[in-house]
C-alpha atoms as a PDB file:
ATOM      1  CA  MET A   1      24.318  66.722 -55.816  1.00  0.00           C
ATOM      2  CA  SER A   2      22.926  70.198 -56.589  1.00  0.00           C
ATOM      3  CA  ALA A   3      21.343  68.832 -59.768  1.00  0.00           C
ATOM      4  CA  SER A   4      19.709  66.079 -57.715  1.00  0.00           C
ATOM      5  CA  PHE A   5      18.070  68.680 -55.473  1.00  0.00           C
ATOM      6  CA  LEU A   6      16.651  70.419 -58.518  1.00  0.00           C
ATOM      7  CA  VAL A   7      15.353  67.101 -59.873  1.00  0.00           C
ATOM      8  CA  ALA A   8      13.715  66.182 -56.547  1.00  0.00           C
ATOM      9  CA  ALA A   9      11.931  69.530 -56.180  1.00  0.00           C
ATOM     10  CA  ALA A  10      10.965  69.889 -59.845  1.00  0.00           C
ATOM     11  CA  ALA A  11       9.680  66.313 -60.212  1.00  0.00           C
ATOM     12  CA  ALA A  12       7.594  66.584 -57.053  1.00  0.00           C
ATOM     13  CA  ALA A  13       6.166  69.959 -58.098  1.00  0.00           C
ATOM     14  CA  CYS A  14       5.388  68.823 -61.650  1.00  0.00           C
ATOM     15  CA  VAL A  15       3.460  65.786 -60.436  1.00  0.00           C
ATOM     16  CA  VAL A  16       1.263  67.955 -58.193  1.00  0.00           C
ATOM     17  CA  LEU A  17       0.723  70.630 -60.857  1.00  0.00           C
ATOM     18  CA  LEU A  18      -0.179  68.047 -63.494  1.00  0.00           C
ATOM     19  CA  MET A  19      -2.453  66.055 -61.197  1.00  0.00           C
ATOM     20  CA  GLY A  20      -4.456  69.041 -59.988  1.00  0.00           C
ATOM     21  CA  PRO A  21      -6.513  69.731 -63.135  1.00  0.00           C
ATOM     22  CA  VAL A  22      -7.223  66.005 -63.457  1.00  0.00           C
ATOM     23  CA  MET A  23      -7.939  65.146 -59.852  1.00  0.00           C
ATOM     24  CA  LEU A  24     -10.104  68.106 -58.815  1.00  0.00           C
ATOM     25  CA  PRO A  25     -12.963  67.297 -61.250  1.00  0.00           C
ATOM     26  CA  VAL A  26     -12.808  63.659 -60.142  1.00  0.00           C
ATOM     27  CA  LEU A  27     -13.117  64.634 -56.472  1.00  0.00           C
ATOM     28  CA  HIS A  28     -16.053  66.899 -57.386  1.00  0.00           C
ATOM     29  CA  ARG A  29     -17.832  64.108 -59.266  1.00  0.00           C
ATOM     30  CA  MET A  30     -17.285  61.660 -56.425  1.00  0.00           C
ATOM     31  CA  LYS A  31     -18.625  64.297 -53.993  1.00  0.00           C
ATOM     32  CA  PHE A  32     -15.526  64.066 -51.805  1.00  0.00           C
ATOM     33  CA  GLY A  33     -16.354  67.407 -50.229  1.00  0.00           C
ATOM     34  CA  GLN A  34     -15.160  68.744 -46.894  1.00  0.00           C
ATOM     35  CA  SER A  35     -17.709  69.074 -44.089  1.00  0.00           C
ATOM     36  CA  ILE A  36     -17.182  72.243 -42.058  1.00  0.00           C
ATOM     37  CA  ARG A  37     -17.945  71.999 -38.346  1.00  0.00           C
ATOM     38  CA  GLU A  38     -20.730  74.360 -37.320  1.00  0.00           C
ATOM     39  CA  GLU A  39     -18.902  75.554 -34.206  1.00  0.00           C
ATOM     40  CA  GLY A  40     -16.032  76.836 -36.359  1.00  0.00           C
ATOM     41  CA  PRO A  41     -15.695  80.406 -37.668  1.00  0.00           C
ATOM     42  CA  LYS A  42     -18.828  81.398 -39.616  1.00  0.00           C
ATOM     43  CA  SER A  43     -16.711  82.578 -42.556  1.00  0.00           C
ATOM     44  CA  HIS A  44     -15.636  78.966 -43.114  1.00  0.00           C
ATOM     45  CA  GLN A  45     -19.146  77.745 -43.872  1.00  0.00           C
ATOM     46  CA  ALA A  46     -18.707  78.922 -47.466  1.00  0.00           C
ATOM     47  CA  LYS A  47     -15.938  76.315 -47.807  1.00  0.00           C
ATOM     48  CA  SER A  48     -18.329  73.422 -47.234  1.00  0.00           C
ATOM     49  CA  GLY A  49     -18.211  71.013 -50.141  1.00  0.00           C
ATOM     50  CA  THR A  50     -14.704  71.996 -51.261  1.00  0.00           C
ATOM     51  CA  PRO A  51     -12.968  68.786 -52.419  1.00  0.00           C
ATOM     52  CA  THR A  52     -10.705  67.159 -49.847  1.00  0.00           C
ATOM     53  CA  MET A  53      -8.146  64.326 -49.911  1.00  0.00           C
ATOM     54  CA  GLY A  54      -5.889  66.476 -52.108  1.00  0.00           C
ATOM     55  CA  GLY A  55      -3.054  65.089 -50.028  1.00  0.00           C
ATOM     56  CA  ILE A  56      -2.956  62.233 -52.523  1.00  0.00           C
ATOM     57  CA  MET A  57      -1.352  64.656 -54.995  1.00  0.00           C
ATOM     58  CA  ILE A  58       1.208  65.831 -52.445  1.00  0.00           C
ATOM     59  CA  ILE A  59       2.304  62.366 -51.365  1.00  0.00           C
ATOM     60  CA  LEU A  60       2.519  61.062 -54.925  1.00  0.00           C
ATOM     61  CA  GLY A  61       4.595  64.107 -55.809  1.00  0.00           C
ATOM     62  CA  ILE A  62       6.961  63.479 -52.882  1.00  0.00           C
ATOM     63  CA  LEU A  63       7.320  59.834 -53.872  1.00  0.00           C
ATOM     64  CA  VAL A  64       8.145  60.640 -57.499  1.00  0.00           C
ATOM     65  CA  GLY A  65      10.517  63.447 -56.524  1.00  0.00           C
ATOM     66  CA  THR A  66      12.340  61.278 -53.998  1.00  0.00           C
ATOM     67  CA  LEU A  67      12.606  58.223 -56.253  1.00  0.00           C
ATOM     68  CA  ALA A  68      13.752  60.357 -59.182  1.00  0.00           C
ATOM     69  CA  ALA A  69      16.657  61.895 -57.278  1.00  0.00           C
ATOM     70  CA  ALA A  70      17.598  59.774 -54.269  1.00  0.00           C
ATOM     71  CA  PRO A  71      19.149  56.294 -54.112  1.00  0.00           C
ATOM     72  CA  LEU A  72      17.003  53.668 -52.405  1.00  0.00           C
ATOM     73  CA  THR A  73      18.973  53.501 -49.184  1.00  0.00           C
ATOM     74  CA  THR A  74      17.525  52.112 -45.970  1.00  0.00           C
ATOM     75  CA  GLU A  75      17.265  55.665 -44.615  1.00  0.00           C
ATOM     76  CA  ILE A  76      15.255  56.879 -47.604  1.00  0.00           C
ATOM     77  CA  LEU A  77      13.017  53.811 -47.572  1.00  0.00           C
ATOM     78  CA  LEU A  78      12.337  54.235 -43.855  1.00  0.00           C
ATOM     79  CA  ALA A  79      11.443  57.927 -44.322  1.00  0.00           C
ATOM     80  CA  VAL A  80       9.067  56.956 -47.127  1.00  0.00           C
ATOM     81  CA  PHE A  81       7.591  54.160 -44.980  1.00  0.00           C
ATOM     82  CA  ILE A  82       6.866  56.553 -42.100  1.00  0.00           C
ATOM     83  CA  MET A  83       5.209  59.005 -44.472  1.00  0.00           C
ATOM     84  CA  LEU A  84       3.162  56.334 -46.260  1.00  0.00           C
ATOM     85  CA  GLY A  85       2.104  54.729 -42.989  1.00  0.00           C
ATOM     86  CA  HIS A  86       0.574  58.012 -41.858  1.00  0.00           C
ATOM     87  CA  PHE A  87      -0.817  58.538 -45.357  1.00  0.00           C
ATOM     88  CA  VAL A  88      -2.795  55.296 -45.023  1.00  0.00           C
ATOM     89  CA  LEU A  89      -4.148  56.372 -41.620  1.00  0.00           C
ATOM     90  CA  GLY A  90      -5.116  59.776 -42.991  1.00  0.00           C
ATOM     91  CA  PHE A  91      -6.723  58.294 -46.097  1.00  0.00           C
ATOM     92  CA  LEU A  92      -8.819  55.899 -44.002  1.00  0.00           C
ATOM     93  CA  ASP A  93      -9.807  58.773 -41.724  1.00  0.00           C
ATOM     94  CA  ASP A  94     -10.935  60.925 -44.670  1.00  0.00           C
ATOM     95  CA  TYR A  95     -12.624  58.000 -46.424  1.00  0.00           C
ATOM     96  CA  ILE A  96     -14.701  57.158 -43.350  1.00  0.00           C
ATOM     97  CA  LYS A  97     -15.698  60.808 -42.864  1.00  0.00           C
ATOM     98  CA  VAL A  98     -16.385  61.679 -46.495  1.00  0.00           C
ATOM     99  CA  VAL A  99     -17.654  58.414 -47.990  1.00  0.00           C
ATOM    100  CA  LYS A 100     -19.012  56.552 -44.977  1.00  0.00           C
ATOM    101  CA  LYS A 101     -20.375  59.814 -43.509  1.00  0.00           C
ATOM    102  CA  ARG A 102     -19.042  59.028 -40.027  1.00  0.00           C
ATOM    103  CA  ASN A 103     -18.009  62.490 -38.887  1.00  0.00           C
ATOM    104  CA  LEU A 104     -15.297  61.431 -36.457  1.00  0.00           C
ATOM    105  CA  GLY A 105     -13.450  59.241 -38.970  1.00  0.00           C
ATOM    106  CA  LEU A 106     -11.045  56.751 -37.463  1.00  0.00           C
ATOM    107  CA  ARG A 107     -11.476  56.296 -33.733  1.00  0.00           C
ATOM    108  CA  ALA A 108      -8.631  57.666 -31.616  1.00  0.00           C
ATOM    109  CA  LYS A 109      -7.667  54.148 -30.487  1.00  0.00           C
ATOM    110  CA  GLU A 110      -7.549  52.910 -34.081  1.00  0.00           C
ATOM    111  CA  LYS A 111      -5.342  55.785 -35.175  1.00  0.00           C
ATOM    112  CA  LEU A 112      -3.035  55.371 -32.163  1.00  0.00           C
ATOM    113  CA  LEU A 113      -2.713  51.634 -32.817  1.00  0.00           C
ATOM    114  CA  GLY A 114      -1.617  52.374 -36.371  1.00  0.00           C
ATOM    115  CA  GLN A 115       0.904  54.939 -35.179  1.00  0.00           C
ATOM    116  CA  ILE A 116       2.293  52.500 -32.603  1.00  0.00           C
ATOM    117  CA  ALA A 117       2.803  49.951 -35.392  1.00  0.00           C
ATOM    118  CA  ILE A 118       4.661  52.568 -37.472  1.00  0.00           C
ATOM    119  CA  ALA A 119       6.791  53.494 -34.446  1.00  0.00           C
ATOM    120  CA  VAL A 120       7.711  49.859 -33.721  1.00  0.00           C
ATOM    121  CA  VAL A 121       8.871  49.296 -37.317  1.00  0.00           C
ATOM    122  CA  THR A 122      10.733  52.612 -37.260  1.00  0.00           C
ATOM    123  CA  MET A 123      12.571  51.775 -34.051  1.00  0.00           C
ATOM    124  CA  TYR A 124      13.452  48.257 -35.198  1.00  0.00           C
ATOM    125  CA  ILE A 125      14.840  49.303 -38.585  1.00  0.00           C
ATOM    126  CA  GLY A 126      16.453  52.409 -37.134  1.00  0.00           C
ATOM    127  CA  THR A 127      18.406  50.442 -34.536  1.00  0.00           C
ATOM    128  CA  ALA A 128      18.990  47.190 -36.436  1.00  0.00           C
ATOM    129  CA  GLU A 129      19.754  48.571 -39.904  1.00  0.00           C
ATOM    130  CA  LEU A 130      20.761  52.210 -39.478  1.00  0.00           C
ATOM    131  CA  GLY A 131      22.606  51.870 -36.193  1.00  0.00           C
ATOM    132  CA  LEU A 132      20.617  54.562 -34.393  1.00  0.00           C
ATOM    133  CA  ASP A 133      21.366  54.452 -30.686  1.00  0.00           C
ATOM    134  CA  THR A 134      19.190  55.500 -27.756  1.00  0.00           C
ATOM    135  CA  SER A 135      20.783  58.893 -27.272  1.00  0.00           C
ATOM    136  CA  ILE A 136      19.279  62.298 -27.969  1.00  0.00           C
ATOM    137  CA  TRP A 137      21.188  65.261 -29.343  1.00  0.00           C
ATOM    138  CA  ILE A 138      20.946  68.465 -27.313  1.00  0.00           C
ATOM    139  CA  PRO A 139      20.674  71.568 -29.543  1.00  0.00           C
ATOM    140  CA  MET A 140      23.247  74.354 -29.032  1.00  0.00           C
ATOM    141  CA  LEU A 141      25.321  72.196 -26.667  1.00  0.00           C
ATOM    142  CA  ASP A 142      26.210  69.767 -29.487  1.00  0.00           C
ATOM    143  CA  HIS A 143      26.118  67.014 -26.882  1.00  0.00           C
ATOM    144  CA  GLU A 144      24.375  63.649 -26.820  1.00  0.00           C
ATOM    145  CA  VAL A 145      22.714  62.100 -23.791  1.00  0.00           C
ATOM    146  CA  ASN A 146      21.909  58.395 -23.736  1.00  0.00           C
ATOM    147  CA  ILE A 147      18.421  57.981 -22.270  1.00  0.00           C
ATOM    148  CA  GLY A 148      18.290  54.219 -22.715  1.00  0.00           C
ATOM    149  CA  PHE A 149      14.875  52.605 -22.939  1.00  0.00           C
ATOM    150  CA  LEU A 150      13.159  55.986 -22.641  1.00  0.00           C
ATOM    151  CA  TYR A 151      14.206  56.692 -26.207  1.00  0.00           C
ATOM    152  CA  TYR A 152      11.576  54.305 -27.560  1.00  0.00           C
ATOM    153  CA  PRO A 153       8.552  56.035 -26.034  1.00  0.00           C
ATOM    154  CA  LEU A 154      10.151  59.308 -27.167  1.00  0.00           C
ATOM    155  CA  VAL A 155      10.089  58.105 -30.782  1.00  0.00           C
ATOM    156  CA  LEU A 156       6.416  57.176 -30.399  1.00  0.00           C
ATOM    157  CA  PHE A 157       5.688  60.572 -28.860  1.00  0.00           C
ATOM    158  CA  VAL A 158       7.487  62.356 -31.716  1.00  0.00           C
ATOM    159  CA  LEU A 159       5.588  60.396 -34.372  1.00  0.00           C
ATOM    160  CA  VAL A 160       2.182  60.815 -32.751  1.00  0.00           C
ATOM    161  CA  GLY A 161       2.730  64.400 -31.634  1.00  0.00           C
ATOM    162  CA  THR A 162       4.210  65.686 -34.862  1.00  0.00           C
ATOM    163  CA  SER A 163       1.680  64.055 -37.189  1.00  0.00           C
ATOM    164  CA  ASN A 164      -1.236  65.293 -35.098  1.00  0.00           C
ATOM    165  CA  ALA A 165       0.276  68.784 -34.745  1.00  0.00           C
ATOM    166  CA  VAL A 166       0.585  69.204 -38.511  1.00  0.00           C
ATOM    167  CA  ASN A 167      -2.939  67.828 -38.830  1.00  0.00           C
ATOM    168  CA  LEU A 168      -4.233  70.531 -36.460  1.00  0.00           C
ATOM    169  CA  THR A 169      -2.369  73.213 -38.426  1.00  0.00           C
ATOM    170  CA  ASP A 170      -4.335  72.331 -41.555  1.00  0.00           C
ATOM    171  CA  GLY A 171      -7.244  74.634 -40.767  1.00  0.00           C
ATOM    172  CA  LEU A 172      -6.733  77.610 -43.083  1.00  0.00           C
ATOM    173  CA  ASP A 173      -6.101  77.795 -46.823  1.00  0.00           C
ATOM    174  CA  GLY A 174      -2.390  77.306 -47.467  1.00  0.00           C
ATOM    175  CA  LEU A 175      -1.368  77.304 -43.808  1.00  0.00           C
ATOM    176  CA  ALA A 176      -0.148  73.713 -43.419  1.00  0.00           C
ATOM    177  CA  SER A 177       1.331  73.385 -46.910  1.00  0.00           C
ATOM    178  CA  GLY A 178       3.231  76.677 -46.665  1.00  0.00           C
ATOM    179  CA  THR A 179       4.489  76.025 -43.145  1.00  0.00           C
ATOM    180  CA  MET A 180       5.609  72.511 -44.091  1.00  0.00           C
ATOM    181  CA  ALA A 181       7.467  73.884 -47.125  1.00  0.00           C
ATOM    182  CA  ILE A 182       9.378  76.274 -44.838  1.00  0.00           C
ATOM    183  CA  ALA A 183      10.119  73.651 -42.163  1.00  0.00           C
ATOM    184  CA  SER A 184      11.222  71.064 -44.740  1.00  0.00           C
ATOM    185  CA  SER A 185      13.520  73.613 -46.425  1.00  0.00           C
ATOM    186  CA  VAL A 186      15.192  74.158 -43.083  1.00  0.00           C
ATOM    187  CA  TYR A 187      15.523  70.427 -42.502  1.00  0.00           C
ATOM    188  CA  ALA A 188      17.081  69.981 -45.934  1.00  0.00           C
ATOM    189  CA  VAL A 189      19.883  72.279 -44.744  1.00  0.00           C
ATOM    190  CA  ILE A 190      20.089  70.472 -41.401  1.00  0.00           C
ATOM    191  CA  CYS A 191      20.397  67.130 -43.186  1.00  0.00           C
ATOM    192  CA  ILE A 192      23.259  68.458 -45.308  1.00  0.00           C
ATOM    193  CA  LEU A 193      25.072  69.915 -42.286  1.00  0.00           C
ATOM    194  CA  MET A 194      24.725  66.628 -40.408  1.00  0.00           C
ATOM    195  CA  GLY A 195      25.852  64.410 -43.249  1.00  0.00           C
ATOM    196  CA  HIS A 196      22.462  63.134 -44.395  1.00  0.00           C
ATOM    197  CA  GLY A 197      22.634  64.376 -47.971  1.00  0.00           C
ATOM    198  CA  GLU A 198      20.341  61.678 -49.333  1.00  0.00           C
ATOM    199  CA  LEU A 199      17.653  62.436 -46.752  1.00  0.00           C
ATOM    200  CA  ALA A 200      17.961  66.089 -47.768  1.00  0.00           C
ATOM    201  CA  LEU A 201      16.632  65.063 -51.189  1.00  0.00           C
ATOM    202  CA  PHE A 202      13.515  63.689 -49.484  1.00  0.00           C
ATOM    203  CA  CYS A 203      13.119  67.021 -47.668  1.00  0.00           C
ATOM    204  CA  VAL A 204      13.456  68.957 -50.931  1.00  0.00           C
ATOM    205  CA  ALA A 205      10.819  66.741 -52.572  1.00  0.00           C
ATOM    206  CA  VAL A 206       8.471  67.651 -49.714  1.00  0.00           C
ATOM    207  CA  VAL A 207       9.205  71.331 -50.335  1.00  0.00           C
ATOM    208  CA  GLY A 208       8.485  71.041 -54.060  1.00  0.00           C
ATOM    209  CA  ALA A 209       5.220  69.169 -53.549  1.00  0.00           C
ATOM    210  CA  CYS A 210       3.952  71.547 -50.844  1.00  0.00           C
ATOM    211  CA  LEU A 211       4.784  74.691 -52.825  1.00  0.00           C
ATOM    212  CA  ALA A 212       3.077  73.298 -55.921  1.00  0.00           C
ATOM    213  CA  PHE A 213       0.031  72.366 -53.859  1.00  0.00           C
ATOM    214  CA  LEU A 214      -0.368  76.025 -52.935  1.00  0.00           C
ATOM    215  CA  ARG A 215      -1.400  76.542 -56.578  1.00  0.00           C
ATOM    216  CA  PHE A 216      -4.673  74.842 -55.653  1.00  0.00           C
ATOM    217  CA  ASN A 217      -4.748  75.321 -51.870  1.00  0.00           C
ATOM    218  CA  ALA A 218      -4.016  79.048 -51.493  1.00  0.00           C
ATOM    219  CA  HIS A 219      -7.002  81.194 -50.504  1.00  0.00           C
ATOM    220  CA  PRO A 220      -9.612  80.647 -51.775  1.00  0.00           C
ATOM    221  CA  ALA A 221      -8.726  76.964 -51.781  1.00  0.00           C
ATOM    222  CA  LYS A 222      -9.912  74.796 -54.653  1.00  0.00           C
ATOM    223  CA  VAL A 223      -8.976  71.647 -52.723  1.00  0.00           C
ATOM    224  CA  PHE A 224      -7.962  70.695 -49.179  1.00  0.00           C
ATOM    225  CA  MET A 225      -5.221  68.199 -48.386  1.00  0.00           C
ATOM    226  CA  GLY A 226      -7.364  66.538 -45.713  1.00  0.00           C
ATOM    227  CA  ASP A 227      -5.995  64.153 -43.098  1.00  0.00           C
ATOM    228  CA  THR A 228      -4.670  62.201 -46.095  1.00  0.00           C
ATOM    229  CA  GLY A 229      -2.080  64.910 -46.598  1.00  0.00           C
ATOM    230  CA  SER A 230      -1.622  66.485 -43.167  1.00  0.00           C
ATOM    231  CA  LEU A 231      -1.000  63.251 -41.248  1.00  0.00           C
ATOM    232  CA  ALA A 232       1.402  62.060 -43.952  1.00  0.00           C
ATOM    233  CA  LEU A 233       3.288  65.368 -43.957  1.00  0.00           C
ATOM    234  CA  GLY A 234       3.452  65.241 -40.171  1.00  0.00           C
ATOM    235  CA  GLY A 235       4.904  61.751 -40.440  1.00  0.00           C
ATOM    236  CA  ALA A 236       7.442  62.965 -43.008  1.00  0.00           C
ATOM    237  CA  PHE A 237       8.478  65.832 -40.715  1.00  0.00           C
ATOM    238  CA  ALA A 238       8.845  63.447 -37.775  1.00  0.00           C
ATOM    239  CA  ALA A 239      10.993  61.166 -39.949  1.00  0.00           C
ATOM    240  CA  MET A 240      13.350  64.064 -40.692  1.00  0.00           C
ATOM    241  CA  GLY A 241      13.936  64.590 -36.973  1.00  0.00           C
ATOM    242  CA  ILE A 242      14.197  60.929 -35.983  1.00  0.00           C
ATOM    243  CA  LEU A 243      16.551  59.879 -38.786  1.00  0.00           C
ATOM    244  CA  THR A 244      18.915  62.805 -38.148  1.00  0.00           C
ATOM    245  CA  HIS A 245      18.685  62.252 -34.376  1.00  0.00           C
ATOM    246  CA  THR A 246      17.483  65.845 -33.914  1.00  0.00           C
ATOM    247  CA  GLU A 247      14.168  65.033 -32.260  1.00  0.00           C
ATOM    248  CA  LEU A 248      14.392  68.016 -29.895  1.00  0.00           C
ATOM    249  CA  LEU A 249      15.130  70.376 -32.769  1.00  0.00           C
ATOM    250  CA  LEU A 250      11.783  69.450 -34.343  1.00  0.00           C
ATOM    251  CA  ALA A 251      10.042  71.503 -31.662  1.00  0.00           C
ATOM    252  CA  VAL A 252      12.060  74.580 -32.630  1.00  0.00           C
ATOM    253  CA  VAL A 253      11.846  74.308 -36.417  1.00  0.00           C
ATOM    254  CA  GLY A 254       8.208  73.215 -36.120  1.00  0.00           C
ATOM    255  CA  PHE A 255       7.349  75.950 -33.606  1.00  0.00           C
ATOM    256  CA  ILE A 256       4.070  76.737 -35.382  1.00  0.00           C
ATOM    257  CA  PHE A 257       2.997  73.088 -35.181  1.00  0.00           C
ATOM    258  CA  VAL A 258       3.854  73.021 -31.469  1.00  0.00           C
ATOM    259  CA  CYS A 259       1.798  76.169 -30.834  1.00  0.00           C
ATOM    260  CA  GLU A 260      -1.185  74.723 -32.706  1.00  0.00           C
ATOM    261  CA  ALA A 261      -1.111  71.495 -30.675  1.00  0.00           C
ATOM    262  CA  LEU A 262      -0.484  73.227 -27.344  1.00  0.00           C
ATOM    263  CA  SER A 263      -3.363  75.642 -27.910  1.00  0.00           C
ATOM    264  CA  VAL A 264      -5.760  72.702 -28.237  1.00  0.00           C
ATOM    265  CA  ILE A 265      -4.340  70.922 -25.182  1.00  0.00           C
ATOM    266  CA  LEU A 266      -4.447  74.060 -23.013  1.00  0.00           C
ATOM    267  CA  GLN A 267      -7.952  74.932 -24.202  1.00  0.00           C
ATOM    268  CA  VAL A 268      -9.273  71.488 -23.269  1.00  0.00           C
ATOM    269  CA  ILE A 269      -7.537  71.449 -19.877  1.00  0.00           C
ATOM    270  CA  SER A 270      -8.718  74.966 -19.032  1.00  0.00           C
ATOM    271  CA  PHE A 271     -12.328  74.310 -20.036  1.00  0.00           C
ATOM    272  CA  GLN A 272     -12.534  70.976 -18.235  1.00  0.00           C
ATOM    273  CA  THR A 273     -10.982  72.298 -15.007  1.00  0.00           C
ATOM    274  CA  THR A 274     -12.306  75.861 -14.798  1.00  0.00           C
ATOM    275  CA  GLY A 275     -15.108  76.011 -17.361  1.00  0.00           C
ATOM    276  CA  LYS A 276     -13.291  78.911 -19.046  1.00  0.00           C
ATOM    277  CA  ARG A 277     -11.526  79.115 -22.400  1.00  0.00           C
ATOM    278  CA  ILE A 278      -8.048  80.575 -22.826  1.00  0.00           C
ATOM    279  CA  PHE A 279      -8.483  81.234 -26.541  1.00  0.00           C
ATOM    280  CA  ARG A 280     -11.501  82.457 -28.496  1.00  0.00           C
ATOM    281  CA  MET A 281     -11.223  79.145 -30.366  1.00  0.00           C
ATOM    282  CA  SER A 282      -8.558  76.524 -30.839  1.00  0.00           C
ATOM    283  CA  PRO A 283      -6.382  75.636 -32.701  1.00  0.00           C
ATOM    284  CA  ILE A 284      -4.779  79.029 -32.223  1.00  0.00           C
ATOM    285  CA  HIS A 285      -5.126  80.186 -35.856  1.00  0.00           C
ATOM    286  CA  HIS A 286      -8.891  80.427 -35.243  1.00  0.00           C
ATOM    287  CA  HIS A 287      -8.213  82.609 -32.186  1.00  0.00           C
ATOM    288  CA  PHE A 288      -6.661  85.260 -34.429  1.00  0.00           C
ATOM    289  CA  GLU A 289      -9.400  84.875 -37.036  1.00  0.00           C
ATOM    290  CA  LEU A 290     -12.083  85.550 -34.450  1.00  0.00           C
ATOM    291  CA  GLY A 291      -9.993  88.496 -33.264  1.00  0.00           C
ATOM    292  CA  GLY A 292     -10.576  90.185 -36.613  1.00  0.00           C
ATOM    293  CA  TRP A 293      -7.576  89.058 -38.658  1.00  0.00           C
ATOM    294  CA  SER A 294      -8.271  88.070 -42.244  1.00  0.00           C
ATOM    295  CA  GLU A 295      -7.466  84.509 -43.226  1.00  0.00           C
ATOM    296  CA  TRP A 296      -4.607  85.681 -45.416  1.00  0.00           C
ATOM    297  CA  LYS A 297      -3.120  87.758 -42.586  1.00  0.00           C
ATOM    298  CA  VAL A 298      -3.137  84.795 -40.214  1.00  0.00           C
ATOM    299  CA  VAL A 299      -1.495  82.578 -42.825  1.00  0.00           C
ATOM    300  CA  PHE A 300       1.216  85.084 -43.768  1.00  0.00           C
ATOM    301  CA  VAL A 301       2.040  85.902 -40.131  1.00  0.00           C
ATOM    302  CA  PHE A 302       2.249  82.210 -39.274  1.00  0.00           C
ATOM    303  CA  TRP A 303       4.465  81.601 -42.309  1.00  0.00           C
ATOM    304  CA  PHE A 304       6.755  84.423 -41.177  1.00  0.00           C
ATOM    305  CA  VAL A 305       6.934  83.086 -37.618  1.00  0.00           C
ATOM    306  CA  GLY A 306       7.657  79.651 -39.046  1.00  0.00           C
ATOM    307  CA  LEU A 307      10.522  81.153 -41.055  1.00  0.00           C
ATOM    308  CA  LEU A 308      11.951  82.821 -37.942  1.00  0.00           C
ATOM    309  CA  ALA A 309      11.658  79.510 -36.074  1.00  0.00           C
ATOM    310  CA  GLY A 310      13.549  77.800 -38.889  1.00  0.00           C
ATOM    311  CA  VAL A 311      16.367  80.366 -38.680  1.00  0.00           C
ATOM    312  CA  ALA A 312      16.470  79.867 -34.907  1.00  0.00           C
ATOM    313  CA  GLY A 313      16.716  76.117 -35.409  1.00  0.00           C
ATOM    314  CA  LEU A 314      19.606  76.480 -37.863  1.00  0.00           C
ATOM    315  CA  SER A 315      21.439  78.725 -35.392  1.00  0.00           C
ATOM    316  CA  MET A 316      21.401  75.872 -32.861  1.00  0.00           C
ATOM    317  CA  ILE A 317      23.310  73.453 -35.067  1.00  0.00           C
END
């Protein structure tokens, strides 16, 4: 099994590293450049025009790494389906923004409809083929509570919330890819401890692809993953939690993602109700940037906090 982990990580990383020099010039020629919002930090305006949709490299790397090392079980296929479903949504979102020049990309209703469809398929296959019940596992207590029908909206919430949270984290060079590499490493261990060794290979492929992507995405980034990558990675992370029945543990291991999403929610609520902002800018990584932190400092601190969150999550098993 140890050799399989090496194969999964190495294959995923090699695909990304080999695709980079080929794909970046293509994205440049096709003018698939990122538009930087004017209300964002002024230092980010220099990034305008940097190629986006680099998530294609990441997802292809994960696919190759997973298929090279893991057997095609229903669990693996469902994890891949969840990831690819969000990949399609992210690709359409980027395509509409970059090619069609419609700044908002997919409408919120369109994206939600797609995520509902992914959730319905996930719940059907999970219950009918994998035997997942409607209980949730409580971290630290090692106890399961059957919540009945409420489990189904929980799965939808996890899919939508996690994919969007990772998407919001993708705002600084290397932030989302590095944080996902850390969180997926932790979930590889969780999968092994909980008897999901094959799913652990999927997690390791995610790690390999994300680490290799840093070769092109670390500051100053030569390419962004775009929604194509961030939504898909969020879907992959959600799949890890759902298929191991550790949905609540996702919030601990993915603490950085939770903070990013909450900062946006709290900022909107505060501004709409009081007219005041809690943060200098949301998501919260921009708050620290505007407070004088360099981009690299924000990224490294967030990586470190993500690592501590991962250790905390492992201690709850």
